[in-house]
Amino acid sequence: MADMYYRGDVTPHRTWDELYTELQHVTRQHEFITSMYVQAKLNSRALLDQVFPAFEKVFGNLFSATALRVLQSCLNNEFEKVESIIEEQTGKSHSKDWVGEKANQLKQTLLNWANNKKKEHNTKHSPCRDGIPPI
């Protein structure tokens, strides 16, 4: 059997049409790219939980254009632009009151997050925490 295969005397049992072969290849590529996309979103979410854990309480869809632009401005310390970014991204789909409410909610979240970071920083470097009494 191996000799016949080597000589080329054996033909495949079933021959696939070229379209089926291409469709199979494209389907595998789609599955691979989709799994990479899902993994990238999971990694992004895990990183966001480390950097800015309360952000997902403000935005329902973390990967919307508005949420991503606001996150970018927050990470660049451009907090004053947040309200204008939200207003620009949402257009006329939301009222000015809604935009102001979202901006205030985000500012409050940022303040809480900053205060928690300060508390964590102070307790991490506390000599009492390590069992060394203060002098």
Protein backbone atom coordinates (compact mmCIF):
# COMPACT_ATOMS: atom_id res chain seq x y z
CA MET A 1 0.00 0.00 0.00
CA ALA A 2 2.83 2.39 0.88
CA ASP A 3 4.62 1.51 -2.36
CA MET A 4 1.49 2.25 -4.37
CA TYR A 5 1.09 5.60 -2.63
CA TYR A 6 4.75 6.42 -3.24
CA ARG A 7 4.47 5.64 -6.96
CA GLY A 8 1.30 7.73 -7.20
CA ASP A 9 -0.93 4.79 -8.15
CA VAL A 10 -3.38 5.56 -5.34
CA THR A 11 -5.92 8.31 -5.78
CA PRO A 12 -7.77 9.83 -2.85
CA HIS A 13 -10.96 8.08 -1.91
CA ARG A 14 -12.92 11.29 -2.06
CA THR A 15 -11.90 14.32 -4.09
CA TRP A 16 -13.06 17.65 -2.80
CA ASP A 17 -14.13 20.43 -5.05
CA GLU A 18 -11.79 23.41 -4.83
CA LEU A 19 -14.59 25.58 -3.46
CA TYR A 20 -15.13 23.24 -0.52
CA THR A 21 -11.43 23.23 0.25
CA GLU A 22 -11.30 27.04 0.15
CA LEU A 23 -14.42 27.28 2.31
CA GLN A 24 -12.86 24.94 4.85
CA HIS A 25 -9.69 27.05 4.89
CA VAL A 26 -11.61 30.33 5.29
CA THR A 27 -13.72 28.82 8.07
CA ARG A 28 -10.60 27.76 9.96
CA GLN A 29 -9.10 31.22 9.52
CA HIS A 30 -12.32 32.83 10.78
CA GLU A 31 -12.34 30.59 13.84
CA PHE A 32 -8.69 31.40 14.57
CA ILE A 33 -9.17 35.16 14.18
CA THR A 34 -12.33 35.10 16.29
CA SER A 35 -10.54 33.25 19.09
CA MET A 36 -7.69 35.80 18.94
CA TYR A 37 -10.25 38.63 19.12
CA VAL A 38 -11.97 37.08 22.14
CA GLN A 39 -8.62 36.53 23.87
CA ALA A 40 -7.59 40.15 23.19
CA LYS A 41 -10.85 41.41 24.72
CA LEU A 42 -10.37 39.19 27.79
CA ASN A 43 -6.78 40.40 28.21
CA SER A 44 -7.89 44.02 27.80
CA ARG A 45 -10.60 43.57 30.40
CA ALA A 46 -8.15 41.97 32.85
CA LEU A 47 -5.71 44.83 32.34
CA LEU A 48 -8.47 47.40 32.75
CA ASP A 49 -9.51 45.73 36.03
CA GLN A 50 -5.95 46.26 37.29
CA VAL A 51 -5.57 49.83 36.07
CA PHE A 52 -9.07 51.26 36.51
CA PRO A 53 -11.38 48.66 38.11
CA ALA A 54 -14.49 50.86 38.47
CA PHE A 55 -14.55 51.88 34.80
CA GLU A 56 -16.99 49.16 33.76
CA LYS A 57 -19.54 50.49 36.25
CA VAL A 58 -19.70 53.71 34.22
CA PHE A 59 -19.94 52.17 30.75
CA GLY A 60 -21.96 49.10 29.92
CA ASN A 61 -19.99 48.34 26.77
CA LEU A 62 -16.29 48.71 27.55
CA PHE A 63 -15.32 48.44 23.91
CA SER A 64 -17.64 51.08 22.49
CA ALA A 65 -16.05 54.04 20.74
CA THR A 66 -17.17 56.38 23.53
CA ALA A 67 -15.77 54.22 26.34
CA LEU A 68 -12.45 53.73 24.56
CA ARG A 69 -12.02 57.45 23.84
CA VAL A 70 -12.91 58.37 27.44
CA LEU A 71 -10.50 55.75 28.77
CA GLN A 72 -7.75 57.11 26.54
CA SER A 73 -8.30 60.64 27.84
CA CYS A 74 -8.33 59.41 31.46
CA LEU A 75 -5.08 57.51 31.01
CA ASN A 76 -3.52 60.63 29.45
CA ASN A 77 -4.64 62.73 32.47
CA GLU A 78 -6.98 64.78 30.28
CA PHE A 79 -9.95 64.64 32.65
CA GLU A 80 -11.29 68.03 31.58
CA LYS A 81 -12.00 66.65 28.09
CA VAL A 82 -14.20 63.79 29.29
CA GLU A 83 -17.54 65.56 28.99
CA SER A 84 -16.77 66.96 25.54
CA ILE A 85 -15.60 63.53 24.36
CA ILE A 86 -18.80 61.88 25.58
CA GLU A 87 -20.89 64.60 23.95
CA GLU A 88 -18.94 64.33 20.69
CA GLN A 89 -19.15 60.54 20.55
CA THR A 90 -22.82 60.20 21.43
CA GLY A 91 -23.95 63.01 19.15
CA LYS A 92 -27.67 63.67 19.39
CA SER A 93 -28.56 60.21 20.65
CA HIS A 94 -28.38 61.36 24.29
CA SER A 95 -29.37 64.58 26.05
CA LYS A 96 -26.95 67.04 27.61
CA ASP A 97 -28.25 65.99 31.03
CA TRP A 98 -27.30 62.38 30.31
CA VAL A 99 -23.84 63.46 29.14
CA GLY A 100 -23.34 65.57 32.27
CA GLU A 101 -24.53 62.71 34.47
CA LYS A 102 -22.08 60.28 32.82
CA ALA A 103 -19.23 62.79 33.18
CA ASN A 104 -20.04 63.35 36.87
CA GLN A 105 -20.32 59.61 37.45
CA LEU A 106 -16.92 59.11 35.84
CA LYS A 107 -15.34 61.95 37.85
CA GLN A 108 -16.70 60.47 41.08
CA THR A 109 -15.37 57.06 40.09
CA LEU A 110 -11.96 58.58 39.36
CA LEU A 111 -11.89 60.34 42.75
CA ASN A 112 -12.82 57.13 44.59
CA TRP A 113 -10.21 55.20 42.64
CA ALA A 114 -7.50 57.80 43.37
CA ASN A 115 -8.37 57.79 47.09
CA ASN A 116 -8.21 53.98 47.22
CA LYS A 117 -4.83 54.02 45.46
CA LYS A 118 -3.48 56.46 48.07
CA LYS A 119 -4.76 54.25 50.89
CA GLU A 120 -3.17 51.15 49.32
CA HIS A 121 0.11 52.98 48.84
CA ASN A 122 0.17 54.11 52.49
CA THR A 123 -0.60 50.64 53.87
CA LYS A 124 1.90 48.87 51.63
CA HIS A 125 4.78 50.91 52.97
CA SER A 126 3.66 51.01 56.57
CA PRO A 127 6.31 49.70 58.98
CA CYS A 128 3.59 48.40 61.32
CA ARG A 129 2.30 46.15 58.57
CA ASP A 130 5.65 44.36 58.43
CA GLY A 131 5.73 43.83 62.18
CA ILE A 132 8.22 46.63 62.81
CA PRO A 133 6.95 49.05 65.45
CA PRO A 134 7.06 52.74 64.52
CA ILE A 135 9.78 54.82 66.15
